[in-house]
Amino acid sequence: MIKVLICEDQKILLDGIASALSCDKEIEVAGKLTDASKITEFLNKTKVDVLLTDVCTEDGNNSLDFIGQAKKLFPALKIVVMTGLPEISF
């Protein structure tokens, strides 16, 4: 079972991704967040294999500011960063 944490501030997209992933019997959505600043706190409480996160999240938080710390604490964590923004200068 692959445990996935999703971080996306748009609720309809967050729920849609979670629903799509839940259709796969080998994937468990371990959690859904809207604010990237909560990623490390969640990972400290729940074992997750994959973090799927949007770049821009709630309260103006940029997930790129938080995933480095998450990767240091959990080196085996796989991270997928997504964005709908046309600019790739992050």
N, C-alpha and C. Protein backbone atom coordinates (compact mmCIF):
# COMPACT_ATOMS: atom_id res chain seq x y z
N MET A 1 0.84 -1.18 0.00
CA MET A 1 0.00 0.00 0.00
C MET A 1 0.89 1.25 0.00
N ILE A 2 0.64 2.14 -0.93
CA ILE A 2 1.37 3.40 -1.03
C ILE A 2 0.52 4.47 -0.34
N LYS A 3 1.10 5.10 0.69
CA LYS A 3 0.39 6.14 1.43
C LYS A 3 0.79 7.51 0.89
N VAL A 4 -0.23 8.31 0.54
CA VAL A 4 -0.01 9.59 -0.12
C VAL A 4 -0.60 10.72 0.73
N LEU A 5 0.17 11.79 0.86
CA LEU A 5 -0.32 13.03 1.45
C LEU A 5 -0.48 14.04 0.32
N ILE A 6 -1.64 14.68 0.24
CA ILE A 6 -1.91 15.66 -0.80
C ILE A 6 -2.02 17.04 -0.15
N CYS A 7 -1.33 18.01 -0.72
CA CYS A 7 -1.41 19.39 -0.24
C CYS A 7 -1.81 20.28 -1.42
N GLU A 8 -3.00 20.82 -1.36
CA GLU A 8 -3.58 21.63 -2.44
C GLU A 8 -4.60 22.57 -1.82
N ASP A 9 -4.50 23.86 -2.11
CA ASP A 9 -5.39 24.82 -1.46
C ASP A 9 -6.77 24.93 -2.10
N GLN A 10 -6.94 24.49 -3.33
CA GLN A 10 -8.26 24.53 -3.97
C GLN A 10 -9.01 23.25 -3.63
N LYS A 11 -10.04 23.39 -2.80
CA LYS A 11 -10.75 22.23 -2.25
C LYS A 11 -11.28 21.28 -3.33
N ILE A 12 -11.83 21.82 -4.39
CA ILE A 12 -12.40 20.96 -5.44
C ILE A 12 -11.29 20.12 -6.10
N LEU A 13 -10.12 20.72 -6.29
CA LEU A 13 -9.00 19.98 -6.87
C LEU A 13 -8.43 18.98 -5.86
N LEU A 14 -8.32 19.39 -4.62
CA LEU A 14 -7.84 18.50 -3.55
C LEU A 14 -8.72 17.26 -3.45
N ASP A 15 -10.02 17.47 -3.40
CA ASP A 15 -10.96 16.34 -3.30
C ASP A 15 -10.95 15.50 -4.57
N GLY A 16 -10.81 16.13 -5.73
CA GLY A 16 -10.77 15.40 -6.99
C GLY A 16 -9.55 14.50 -7.11
N ILE A 17 -8.39 15.03 -6.73
CA ILE A 17 -7.16 14.22 -6.75
C ILE A 17 -7.28 13.06 -5.78
N ALA A 18 -7.77 13.36 -4.57
CA ALA A 18 -7.93 12.31 -3.56
C ALA A 18 -8.88 11.22 -4.04
N SER A 19 -9.96 11.62 -4.66
CA SER A 19 -10.94 10.66 -5.18
C SER A 19 -10.33 9.80 -6.28
N ALA A 20 -9.60 10.43 -7.20
CA ALA A 20 -8.97 9.68 -8.30
C ALA A 20 -7.94 8.68 -7.77
N LEU A 21 -7.12 9.12 -6.82
CA LEU A 21 -6.11 8.22 -6.27
C LEU A 21 -6.74 7.08 -5.47
N SER A 22 -7.84 7.36 -4.81
CA SER A 22 -8.51 6.34 -3.99
C SER A 22 -9.10 5.22 -4.82
N CYS A 23 -9.25 5.43 -6.12
CA CYS A 23 -9.76 4.37 -7.00
C CYS A 23 -8.75 3.26 -7.20
N ASP A 24 -7.49 3.54 -6.94
CA ASP A 24 -6.43 2.54 -7.07
C ASP A 24 -6.29 1.80 -5.75
N LYS A 25 -6.46 0.50 -5.76
CA LYS A 25 -6.42 -0.31 -4.54
C LYS A 25 -5.05 -0.35 -3.88
N GLU A 26 -4.02 0.09 -4.61
CA GLU A 26 -2.66 0.09 -4.05
C GLU A 26 -2.28 1.43 -3.43
N ILE A 27 -3.21 2.41 -3.49
CA ILE A 27 -2.94 3.74 -2.97
C ILE A 27 -3.92 4.07 -1.85
N GLU A 28 -3.38 4.61 -0.76
CA GLU A 28 -4.20 5.11 0.34
C GLU A 28 -3.90 6.59 0.52
N VAL A 29 -4.92 7.42 0.48
CA VAL A 29 -4.74 8.84 0.76
C VAL A 29 -4.68 8.97 2.28
N ALA A 30 -3.47 9.21 2.78
CA ALA A 30 -3.24 9.28 4.23
C ALA A 30 -3.69 10.61 4.81
N GLY A 31 -3.74 11.64 3.96
CA GLY A 31 -4.16 12.94 4.45
C GLY A 31 -4.29 13.95 3.35
N LYS A 32 -5.04 15.03 3.66
CA LYS A 32 -5.24 16.13 2.72
C LYS A 32 -5.01 17.42 3.50
N LEU A 33 -4.14 18.26 2.97
CA LEU A 33 -3.84 19.56 3.58
C LEU A 33 -4.10 20.67 2.58
N THR A 34 -4.40 21.86 3.08
CA THR A 34 -4.54 23.02 2.20
C THR A 34 -3.40 24.02 2.40
N ASP A 35 -2.58 23.81 3.42
CA ASP A 35 -1.50 24.74 3.76
C ASP A 35 -0.18 23.99 3.90
N ALA A 36 0.79 24.34 3.07
CA ALA A 36 2.08 23.65 3.06
C ALA A 36 2.83 23.77 4.39
N SER A 37 2.53 24.79 5.18
CA SER A 37 3.22 24.94 6.46
C SER A 37 2.87 23.82 7.44
N LYS A 38 1.86 23.04 7.12
CA LYS A 38 1.42 21.92 7.98
C LYS A 38 2.04 20.58 7.57
N ILE A 39 2.82 20.56 6.49
CA ILE A 39 3.36 19.30 5.96
C ILE A 39 4.21 18.57 6.98
N THR A 40 5.20 19.24 7.55
CA THR A 40 6.12 18.58 8.49
C THR A 40 5.38 18.07 9.71
N GLU A 41 4.48 18.86 10.23
CA GLU A 41 3.68 18.44 11.39
C GLU A 41 2.92 17.15 11.09
N PHE A 42 2.31 17.08 9.90
CA PHE A 42 1.56 15.88 9.51
C PHE A 42 2.50 14.69 9.38
N LEU A 43 3.64 14.88 8.73
CA LEU A 43 4.59 13.79 8.51
C LEU A 43 5.17 13.25 9.81
N ASN A 44 5.27 14.09 10.82
CA ASN A 44 5.75 13.63 12.13
C ASN A 44 4.75 12.70 12.81
N LYS A 45 3.49 12.79 12.43
CA LYS A 45 2.44 11.98 13.05
C LYS A 45 2.04 10.76 12.22
N THR A 46 2.23 10.85 10.91
CA THR A 46 1.72 9.81 10.01
C THR A 46 2.78 9.43 8.99
N LYS A 47 3.04 8.12 8.84
CA LYS A 47 4.00 7.65 7.85
C LYS A 47 3.38 7.79 6.46
N VAL A 48 4.13 8.44 5.58
CA VAL A 48 3.68 8.68 4.22
C VAL A 48 4.80 8.31 3.26
N ASP A 49 4.46 7.72 2.13
CA ASP A 49 5.44 7.35 1.11
C ASP A 49 5.64 8.44 0.08
N VAL A 50 4.54 9.14 -0.26
CA VAL A 50 4.57 10.15 -1.32
C VAL A 50 3.86 11.41 -0.86
N LEU A 51 4.48 12.55 -1.13
CA LEU A 51 3.86 13.85 -0.92
C LEU A 51 3.57 14.43 -2.29
N LEU A 52 2.31 14.73 -2.55
CA LEU A 52 1.89 15.38 -3.79
C LEU A 52 1.42 16.77 -3.40
N THR A 53 2.15 17.80 -3.83
CA THR A 53 1.84 19.15 -3.37
C THR A 53 1.84 20.18 -4.49
N ASP A 54 0.93 21.11 -4.36
CA ASP A 54 0.91 22.27 -5.23
C ASP A 54 2.00 23.22 -4.77
N VAL A 55 2.50 24.06 -5.65
CA VAL A 55 3.51 25.05 -5.26
C VAL A 55 2.88 26.10 -4.36
N CYS A 56 1.78 26.68 -4.80
CA CYS A 56 1.13 27.74 -4.04
C CYS A 56 -0.01 27.15 -3.21
N THR A 57 0.03 27.38 -1.90
CA THR A 57 -1.00 26.83 -1.03
C THR A 57 -1.63 27.94 -0.19
N GLU A 58 -2.50 27.54 0.69
CA GLU A 58 -3.26 28.46 1.53
C GLU A 58 -2.35 29.43 2.30
N ASP A 59 -2.88 30.59 2.59
CA ASP A 59 -2.20 31.65 3.35
C ASP A 59 -0.94 32.13 2.64
N GLY A 60 -0.87 31.96 1.32
CA GLY A 60 0.27 32.43 0.55
C GLY A 60 1.53 31.62 0.75
N ASN A 61 1.42 30.45 1.36
CA ASN A 61 2.59 29.61 1.59
C ASN A 61 3.01 28.88 0.32
N ASN A 62 4.30 28.84 0.11
CA ASN A 62 4.90 28.18 -1.04
C ASN A 62 5.45 26.85 -0.55
N SER A 63 5.00 25.76 -1.14
CA SER A 63 5.43 24.44 -0.66
C SER A 63 6.93 24.24 -0.79
N LEU A 64 7.55 24.96 -1.73
CA LEU A 64 9.00 24.82 -1.90
C LEU A 64 9.76 25.26 -0.64
N ASP A 65 9.13 26.10 0.17
CA ASP A 65 9.74 26.54 1.43
C ASP A 65 9.72 25.45 2.50
N PHE A 66 8.91 24.43 2.32
CA PHE A 66 8.71 23.41 3.35
C PHE A 66 9.17 22.01 2.95
N ILE A 67 9.25 21.73 1.66
CA ILE A 67 9.58 20.36 1.26
C ILE A 67 11.04 20.00 1.50
N GLY A 68 11.92 20.98 1.51
CA GLY A 68 13.33 20.69 1.82
C GLY A 68 13.49 20.14 3.22
N GLN A 69 12.80 20.76 4.16
CA GLN A 69 12.84 20.29 5.55
C GLN A 69 12.21 18.90 5.66
N ALA A 70 11.11 18.68 4.96
CA ALA A 70 10.45 17.37 4.98
C ALA A 70 11.38 16.29 4.44
N LYS A 71 12.10 16.59 3.37
CA LYS A 71 13.01 15.61 2.76
C LYS A 71 14.18 15.30 3.69
N LYS A 72 14.68 16.32 4.42
CA LYS A 72 15.76 16.08 5.38
C LYS A 72 15.30 15.16 6.51
N LEU A 73 14.11 15.38 7.00
CA LEU A 73 13.59 14.57 8.10
C LEU A 73 13.16 13.18 7.65
N PHE A 74 12.71 13.07 6.42
CA PHE A 74 12.19 11.81 5.88
C PHE A 74 12.82 11.56 4.51
N PRO A 75 14.09 11.13 4.48
CA PRO A 75 14.81 10.98 3.21
C PRO A 75 14.18 10.02 2.20
N ALA A 76 13.42 9.06 2.66
CA ALA A 76 12.79 8.09 1.75
C ALA A 76 11.52 8.65 1.11
N LEU A 77 11.05 9.79 1.59
CA LEU A 77 9.83 10.39 1.08
C LEU A 77 10.00 10.81 -0.38
N LYS A 78 9.06 10.40 -1.21
CA LYS A 78 9.03 10.83 -2.61
C LYS A 78 8.14 12.06 -2.69
N ILE A 79 8.58 13.08 -3.42
CA ILE A 79 7.84 14.33 -3.49
C ILE A 79 7.55 14.68 -4.95
N VAL A 80 6.28 14.96 -5.22
CA VAL A 80 5.84 15.41 -6.53
C VAL A 80 5.25 16.80 -6.34
N VAL A 81 5.82 17.79 -7.05
CA VAL A 81 5.34 19.16 -6.96
C VAL A 81 4.59 19.48 -8.24
N MET A 82 3.40 20.05 -8.09
CA MET A 82 2.58 20.39 -9.25
C MET A 82 2.20 21.86 -9.18
N THR A 83 1.86 22.41 -10.32
CA THR A 83 1.34 23.78 -10.36
C THR A 83 0.56 24.00 -11.63
N GLY A 84 -0.39 24.89 -11.55
CA GLY A 84 -1.14 25.28 -12.72
C GLY A 84 -0.63 26.60 -13.29
N LEU A 85 0.40 27.15 -12.66
CA LEU A 85 0.95 28.42 -13.10
C LEU A 85 1.83 28.24 -14.33
N PRO A 86 1.70 29.13 -15.30
CA PRO A 86 2.50 28.99 -16.52
C PRO A 86 3.98 29.36 -16.33
N GLU A 87 4.30 30.04 -15.24
CA GLU A 87 5.66 30.49 -14.96
C GLU A 87 6.44 29.37 -14.27
N ILE A 88 7.65 29.07 -14.73
CA ILE A 88 8.43 28.01 -14.12
C ILE A 88 9.71 28.54 -13.49
N SER A 89 9.68 29.76 -13.00
CA SER A 89 10.89 30.36 -12.45
C SER A 89 11.04 30.10 -10.96
N PHE A 90 10.34 29.14 -10.41
CA PHE A 90 10.45 28.84 -8.98
C PHE A 90 11.83 28.36 -8.67
